[in-house]
N, C-alpha and C. Protein backbone atom coordinates (compact mmCIF):
# COMPACT_ATOMS: atom_id res chain seq x y z
N UNK A 1 114.63 41.11 -55.11
CA UNK A 1 113.66 41.94 -55.78
C UNK A 1 112.94 41.14 -56.86
N UNK A 2 111.67 41.35 -56.99
CA UNK A 2 110.86 40.62 -57.97
C UNK A 2 110.79 41.38 -59.28
N UNK A 3 110.75 40.64 -60.34
CA UNK A 3 110.57 41.26 -61.66
C UNK A 3 109.14 41.78 -61.77
N UNK A 4 108.96 42.89 -62.49
CA UNK A 4 107.60 43.42 -62.68
C UNK A 4 106.68 42.34 -63.25
N UNK A 5 105.53 42.22 -62.66
CA UNK A 5 104.55 41.26 -63.14
C UNK A 5 104.73 39.85 -62.61
N UNK A 6 105.80 39.62 -61.84
CA UNK A 6 106.02 38.26 -61.35
C UNK A 6 105.11 37.92 -60.16
N UNK A 7 104.59 38.91 -59.48
CA UNK A 7 103.65 38.68 -58.39
C UNK A 7 102.24 38.98 -58.90
N UNK A 8 101.38 38.01 -58.78
CA UNK A 8 100.00 38.20 -59.24
C UNK A 8 99.06 38.04 -58.06
N UNK A 9 98.26 39.05 -57.82
CA UNK A 9 97.23 38.93 -56.80
C UNK A 9 96.05 38.23 -57.44
N UNK A 10 95.72 37.07 -56.93
CA UNK A 10 94.64 36.29 -57.52
C UNK A 10 93.28 36.68 -56.94
N UNK A 11 93.21 36.97 -55.65
CA UNK A 11 91.95 37.38 -55.05
C UNK A 11 92.22 38.27 -53.85
N UNK A 12 91.25 39.08 -53.54
CA UNK A 12 91.31 39.97 -52.39
C UNK A 12 89.96 39.89 -51.70
N UNK A 13 89.98 39.85 -50.38
CA UNK A 13 88.72 39.85 -49.65
C UNK A 13 88.78 40.93 -48.58
N UNK A 14 87.61 41.35 -48.17
CA UNK A 14 87.51 42.36 -47.12
C UNK A 14 86.25 42.09 -46.32
N UNK A 15 86.26 42.53 -45.09
CA UNK A 15 85.07 42.40 -44.24
C UNK A 15 85.09 43.50 -43.19
N UNK A 16 83.88 43.94 -42.84
CA UNK A 16 83.78 44.96 -41.81
C UNK A 16 82.38 45.00 -41.21
N UNK A 17 82.29 45.52 -40.00
CA UNK A 17 81.03 45.80 -39.31
C UNK A 17 80.78 47.30 -39.36
N UNK A 18 79.54 47.69 -39.50
CA UNK A 18 79.15 49.10 -39.39
C UNK A 18 77.99 49.18 -38.40
N UNK A 19 78.16 49.96 -37.34
CA UNK A 19 77.06 50.18 -36.40
C UNK A 19 76.09 51.15 -37.06
N UNK A 20 74.85 50.72 -37.21
CA UNK A 20 73.83 51.56 -37.84
C UNK A 20 73.08 52.39 -36.81
N UNK A 21 72.80 51.81 -35.67
CA UNK A 21 72.04 52.48 -34.61
C UNK A 21 72.44 51.84 -33.29
N UNK A 22 73.29 52.53 -32.55
CA UNK A 22 73.83 51.98 -31.31
C UNK A 22 72.72 51.72 -30.30
N UNK A 23 71.82 52.68 -30.13
CA UNK A 23 70.74 52.54 -29.14
C UNK A 23 69.81 51.37 -29.49
N UNK A 24 69.55 51.16 -30.75
CA UNK A 24 68.67 50.08 -31.20
C UNK A 24 69.40 48.73 -31.21
N UNK A 25 70.71 48.78 -31.36
CA UNK A 25 71.50 47.55 -31.44
C UNK A 25 71.61 47.00 -32.85
N UNK A 26 71.43 47.87 -33.84
CA UNK A 26 71.46 47.44 -35.25
C UNK A 26 72.87 47.62 -35.83
N UNK A 27 73.32 46.58 -36.54
CA UNK A 27 74.63 46.64 -37.18
C UNK A 27 74.56 45.92 -38.53
N UNK A 28 75.50 46.27 -39.39
CA UNK A 28 75.59 45.66 -40.71
C UNK A 28 76.96 45.03 -40.87
N UNK A 29 76.98 43.78 -41.32
CA UNK A 29 78.21 43.06 -41.62
C UNK A 29 78.34 42.97 -43.14
N UNK A 30 79.50 43.36 -43.67
CA UNK A 30 79.77 43.29 -45.10
C UNK A 30 81.03 42.48 -45.31
N UNK A 31 80.96 41.52 -46.21
CA UNK A 31 82.12 40.73 -46.57
C UNK A 31 82.08 40.50 -48.07
N UNK A 32 83.22 40.66 -48.74
CA UNK A 32 83.23 40.46 -50.19
C UNK A 32 84.59 39.95 -50.65
N UNK A 33 84.59 39.38 -51.86
CA UNK A 33 85.80 38.84 -52.45
C UNK A 33 85.87 39.29 -53.91
N UNK A 34 87.05 39.71 -54.32
CA UNK A 34 87.28 40.09 -55.71
C UNK A 34 88.38 39.21 -56.30
N UNK A 35 88.30 39.02 -57.60
CA UNK A 35 89.35 38.37 -58.36
C UNK A 35 89.72 39.31 -59.49
N UNK A 36 90.98 39.74 -59.46
CA UNK A 36 91.46 40.69 -60.47
C UNK A 36 90.51 41.87 -60.61
N UNK A 37 90.15 42.46 -59.50
CA UNK A 37 89.32 43.66 -59.40
C UNK A 37 87.85 43.44 -59.76
N UNK A 38 87.44 42.20 -59.98
CA UNK A 38 86.03 41.92 -60.27
C UNK A 38 85.42 41.25 -59.04
N UNK A 39 84.31 41.81 -58.56
CA UNK A 39 83.61 41.22 -57.42
C UNK A 39 83.04 39.87 -57.82
N UNK A 40 83.37 38.84 -57.05
CA UNK A 40 82.90 37.49 -57.37
C UNK A 40 82.02 36.90 -56.26
N UNK A 41 81.94 37.56 -55.14
CA UNK A 41 81.10 37.07 -54.06
C UNK A 41 80.96 38.10 -52.96
N UNK A 42 79.81 38.07 -52.29
CA UNK A 42 79.60 38.99 -51.17
C UNK A 42 78.48 38.48 -50.28
N UNK A 43 78.46 39.01 -49.08
CA UNK A 43 77.35 38.84 -48.16
C UNK A 43 77.21 40.13 -47.37
N UNK A 44 75.98 40.61 -47.24
CA UNK A 44 75.67 41.80 -46.46
C UNK A 44 74.55 41.39 -45.51
N UNK A 45 74.80 41.56 -44.20
CA UNK A 45 73.88 41.07 -43.18
C UNK A 45 73.43 42.21 -42.28
N UNK A 46 72.13 42.28 -42.04
CA UNK A 46 71.58 43.17 -41.02
C UNK A 46 71.42 42.33 -39.77
N UNK A 47 72.06 42.74 -38.69
CA UNK A 47 72.01 42.01 -37.43
C UNK A 47 71.48 42.93 -36.33
N UNK A 48 70.86 42.31 -35.32
CA UNK A 48 70.27 43.06 -34.21
C UNK A 48 70.70 42.43 -32.90
N UNK A 49 71.25 43.24 -32.02
CA UNK A 49 71.58 42.78 -30.68
C UNK A 49 70.29 42.63 -29.88
N UNK A 50 70.11 41.47 -29.27
CA UNK A 50 68.94 41.19 -28.42
C UNK A 50 69.46 40.73 -27.06
N UNK A 51 68.55 40.57 -26.11
CA UNK A 51 68.95 40.22 -24.75
C UNK A 51 69.86 39.00 -24.67
N UNK A 52 69.58 37.99 -25.46
CA UNK A 52 70.35 36.75 -25.35
C UNK A 52 71.33 36.53 -26.51
N UNK A 53 71.72 37.58 -27.21
CA UNK A 53 72.71 37.44 -28.27
C UNK A 53 72.46 38.35 -29.44
N UNK A 54 72.65 37.82 -30.63
CA UNK A 54 72.49 38.58 -31.87
C UNK A 54 71.57 37.81 -32.80
N UNK A 55 70.63 38.50 -33.40
CA UNK A 55 69.71 37.89 -34.36
C UNK A 55 70.00 38.42 -35.76
N UNK A 56 69.91 37.54 -36.74
CA UNK A 56 70.01 37.94 -38.14
C UNK A 56 68.62 38.39 -38.59
N UNK A 57 68.56 39.55 -39.21
CA UNK A 57 67.29 40.11 -39.67
C UNK A 57 67.13 39.92 -41.17
N UNK A 58 68.21 40.18 -41.90
CA UNK A 58 68.16 40.07 -43.36
C UNK A 58 69.57 39.77 -43.88
N UNK A 59 69.63 38.99 -44.96
CA UNK A 59 70.90 38.66 -45.61
C UNK A 59 70.75 38.87 -47.11
N UNK A 60 71.70 39.57 -47.68
CA UNK A 60 71.84 39.73 -49.13
C UNK A 60 73.14 39.02 -49.49
N UNK A 61 73.12 38.22 -50.56
CA UNK A 61 74.35 37.54 -50.93
C UNK A 61 74.37 37.18 -52.41
N UNK A 62 75.50 36.59 -52.80
CA UNK A 62 75.68 36.12 -54.18
C UNK A 62 76.09 34.66 -54.15
N UNK A 63 75.60 33.91 -53.18
CA UNK A 63 76.00 32.52 -53.00
C UNK A 63 75.66 31.63 -54.20
N UNK A 64 74.65 32.01 -54.95
CA UNK A 64 74.25 31.21 -56.12
C UNK A 64 74.59 31.91 -57.44
N UNK A 65 75.48 32.91 -57.38
CA UNK A 65 75.93 33.58 -58.59
C UNK A 65 75.06 34.73 -59.05
N UNK A 66 74.03 35.08 -58.27
CA UNK A 66 73.20 36.24 -58.58
C UNK A 66 72.85 36.94 -57.28
N UNK A 67 72.29 38.13 -57.37
CA UNK A 67 71.96 38.95 -56.21
C UNK A 67 70.68 38.44 -55.56
N UNK A 68 70.81 37.91 -54.36
CA UNK A 68 69.70 37.26 -53.68
C UNK A 68 69.52 37.86 -52.29
N UNK A 69 68.28 37.89 -51.81
CA UNK A 69 67.97 38.40 -50.49
C UNK A 69 67.15 37.37 -49.73
N UNK A 70 67.50 37.20 -48.44
CA UNK A 70 66.76 36.32 -47.53
C UNK A 70 66.25 37.14 -46.37
N UNK A 71 64.95 37.03 -46.10
CA UNK A 71 64.38 37.60 -44.89
C UNK A 71 64.45 36.55 -43.78
N UNK A 72 64.54 37.01 -42.56
CA UNK A 72 64.47 36.13 -41.40
C UNK A 72 63.26 36.53 -40.58
N UNK A 73 62.62 35.52 -39.97
CA UNK A 73 61.49 35.80 -39.08
C UNK A 73 61.79 35.19 -37.72
N UNK A 74 61.14 35.71 -36.71
CA UNK A 74 61.34 35.17 -35.36
C UNK A 74 60.86 33.73 -35.27
N UNK A 75 59.75 33.44 -35.91
CA UNK A 75 59.17 32.10 -35.78
C UNK A 75 59.72 31.11 -36.79
N UNK A 76 60.06 31.57 -37.99
CA UNK A 76 60.46 30.65 -39.05
C UNK A 76 61.91 30.70 -39.46
N UNK A 77 62.69 31.61 -38.89
CA UNK A 77 64.09 31.71 -39.25
C UNK A 77 64.30 32.20 -40.68
N UNK A 78 65.28 31.61 -41.34
CA UNK A 78 65.64 32.02 -42.70
C UNK A 78 64.57 31.61 -43.70
N UNK A 79 64.14 32.57 -44.49
CA UNK A 79 63.15 32.33 -45.53
C UNK A 79 63.85 32.09 -46.87
N UNK A 80 63.12 31.53 -47.81
CA UNK A 80 63.68 31.29 -49.14
C UNK A 80 64.18 32.60 -49.74
N UNK A 81 65.24 32.51 -50.52
CA UNK A 81 65.81 33.69 -51.15
C UNK A 81 65.04 34.12 -52.38
N UNK A 82 65.13 35.42 -52.66
CA UNK A 82 64.54 35.97 -53.88
C UNK A 82 65.58 36.89 -54.53
N UNK A 83 65.58 36.91 -55.85
CA UNK A 83 66.47 37.82 -56.55
C UNK A 83 66.00 39.25 -56.25
N UNK A 84 66.93 40.12 -55.86
CA UNK A 84 66.53 41.48 -55.52
C UNK A 84 67.12 42.53 -56.45
N UNK A 85 68.08 42.16 -57.27
CA UNK A 85 68.70 43.14 -58.17
C UNK A 85 69.22 42.37 -59.37
N UNK A 86 68.93 42.86 -60.57
CA UNK A 86 69.30 42.12 -61.78
C UNK A 86 70.64 42.52 -62.39
N UNK A 87 71.31 43.49 -61.80
CA UNK A 87 72.59 43.96 -62.33
C UNK A 87 73.76 43.07 -61.91
N UNK A 88 74.96 43.61 -62.01
CA UNK A 88 76.17 42.88 -61.66
C UNK A 88 76.21 42.63 -60.15
N UNK A 89 77.10 41.73 -59.74
CA UNK A 89 77.26 41.48 -58.32
C UNK A 89 77.75 42.72 -57.58
N UNK A 90 78.64 43.47 -58.20
CA UNK A 90 79.12 44.71 -57.58
C UNK A 90 77.99 45.70 -57.35
N UNK A 91 77.16 45.86 -58.36
CA UNK A 91 76.00 46.76 -58.22
C UNK A 91 75.03 46.22 -57.17
N UNK A 92 74.85 44.90 -57.16
CA UNK A 92 73.96 44.28 -56.18
C UNK A 92 74.44 44.48 -54.76
N UNK A 93 75.75 44.34 -54.53
CA UNK A 93 76.29 44.56 -53.19
C UNK A 93 76.04 46.00 -52.75
N UNK A 94 76.29 46.95 -53.62
CA UNK A 94 76.04 48.36 -53.28
C UNK A 94 74.56 48.62 -53.03
N UNK A 95 73.70 47.98 -53.82
CA UNK A 95 72.25 48.12 -53.62
C UNK A 95 71.84 47.52 -52.27
N UNK A 96 72.43 46.39 -51.90
CA UNK A 96 72.12 45.76 -50.62
C UNK A 96 72.53 46.66 -49.45
N UNK A 97 73.71 47.24 -49.54
CA UNK A 97 74.18 48.15 -48.49
C UNK A 97 73.23 49.34 -48.38
N UNK A 98 72.84 49.90 -49.51
CA UNK A 98 71.92 51.05 -49.51
C UNK A 98 70.56 50.66 -48.94
N UNK A 99 70.05 49.47 -49.31
CA UNK A 99 68.77 48.99 -48.78
C UNK A 99 68.81 48.92 -47.26
N UNK A 100 69.86 48.32 -46.73
CA UNK A 100 69.96 48.18 -45.28
C UNK A 100 70.14 49.52 -44.61
N UNK A 101 71.03 50.35 -45.12
CA UNK A 101 71.25 51.67 -44.49
C UNK A 101 69.98 52.52 -44.50
N UNK A 102 69.20 52.42 -45.56
CA UNK A 102 68.00 53.24 -45.66
C UNK A 102 66.76 52.62 -45.05
N UNK A 103 66.76 51.31 -44.80
CA UNK A 103 65.53 50.67 -44.36
C UNK A 103 65.66 49.75 -43.17
N UNK A 104 66.79 49.81 -42.44
CA UNK A 104 66.99 48.85 -41.36
C UNK A 104 65.92 48.93 -40.28
N UNK A 105 65.42 50.12 -39.98
CA UNK A 105 64.39 50.22 -38.93
C UNK A 105 63.12 49.46 -39.35
N UNK A 106 62.71 49.65 -40.57
CA UNK A 106 61.52 48.97 -41.09
C UNK A 106 61.75 47.45 -41.16
N UNK A 107 62.95 47.03 -41.55
CA UNK A 107 63.27 45.60 -41.61
C UNK A 107 63.21 44.98 -40.23
N UNK A 108 63.74 45.67 -39.24
CA UNK A 108 63.72 45.16 -37.86
C UNK A 108 62.29 45.10 -37.35
N UNK A 109 61.52 46.12 -37.65
CA UNK A 109 60.11 46.13 -37.22
C UNK A 109 59.35 44.96 -37.84
N UNK A 110 59.61 44.67 -39.10
CA UNK A 110 58.98 43.53 -39.76
C UNK A 110 59.39 42.22 -39.12
N UNK A 111 60.65 42.09 -38.74
CA UNK A 111 61.12 40.89 -38.06
C UNK A 111 60.44 40.72 -36.70
N UNK A 112 60.21 41.82 -36.01
CA UNK A 112 59.59 41.75 -34.68
C UNK A 112 58.13 41.30 -34.76
N UNK A 113 57.46 41.58 -35.86
CA UNK A 113 56.04 41.17 -36.01
C UNK A 113 56.01 39.75 -36.31
């Protein structure tokens, strides 16, 4: 038996897929990491099933320590990132999830053009 406090969880990570629209082939991938209950990193991806595989449509992440969003285009691929939310990383991750859930159809349509 361990003494209270002798086991310390240093980090926790989680990841999951959410099907947004089965008929359209739209899904969202969420992955995040916390340290002592503080979110320290995340990625939220809008993906689209296409005839020859899966295409990335949009990525929100904290790879550079702030809330950043990358658009993808059919012709140019990944575009430069822009800050999309000025709050904490936790708030940014929730904002990214809400953006994708509420706007994935429009994002996919923009990618198709």
